Amino acid sequence: MASKAEGIVLETNIGVSMNYQFYNMSKIRKFIGCDWVVSTNKKAEQKAGNKREVTIIGCDSHKTPFSDGSIDTVIDTFGLECSYNLEKAYGEMKRVTKPGGKILLLERGIGFWMQDNFTLLRKASVNLGARGQVYNHDFAHMIENDAEVRVVKRKRKVRGMLYYYEL
């Protein structure tokens, strides 16, 4: 997924930058990682090293400091599930993406099997309290009913609980 990024790239909810090794930096003019957790930003900066084209900032993915249409590629891996307002965070990704740009998402959410979904609901409060994550979002409904985006590619794996989208 990260290898598809190009131009000015924003990775939201970057955490400790587990994806950094997968980017093709020859296609990236500027890489910006953002997360509201200061300690993870420091680890992400260490992974990136002292590269001129890399900037890690502390910010809330619900309200980023970027202008409308200023980012070529927005990437989020397992970050939307940590959002306190899923629609607002998703809307912010769309706002900063240039017309014709890319939004690449890899998220966990509700699956095809009811038993899996009941398990996700039962564990929701524990996951939220322990890790700030909620896994029972219906990303397919949110994304595929969004008239503002064009779905280029979609995949669902692990009985439908793992969502991959290229927009």
Foldseek 3Di string as FASTA:
>chain_A
DQCPDAEEEEEEQCFLPPPPVVYPCVRYQAYEYEEQDVVSLVNNDVVVDPDPRYYYYYDDLLDDPAAFQQGQEYEYEACLQLDPDNVSSVVSRNRNHHVVGKYKYKHFEDADDVVSLVVLVVCQVVCCVPPSGRRHDDVCCVPVPDPSDDWPDWDADPRRGIIITMD
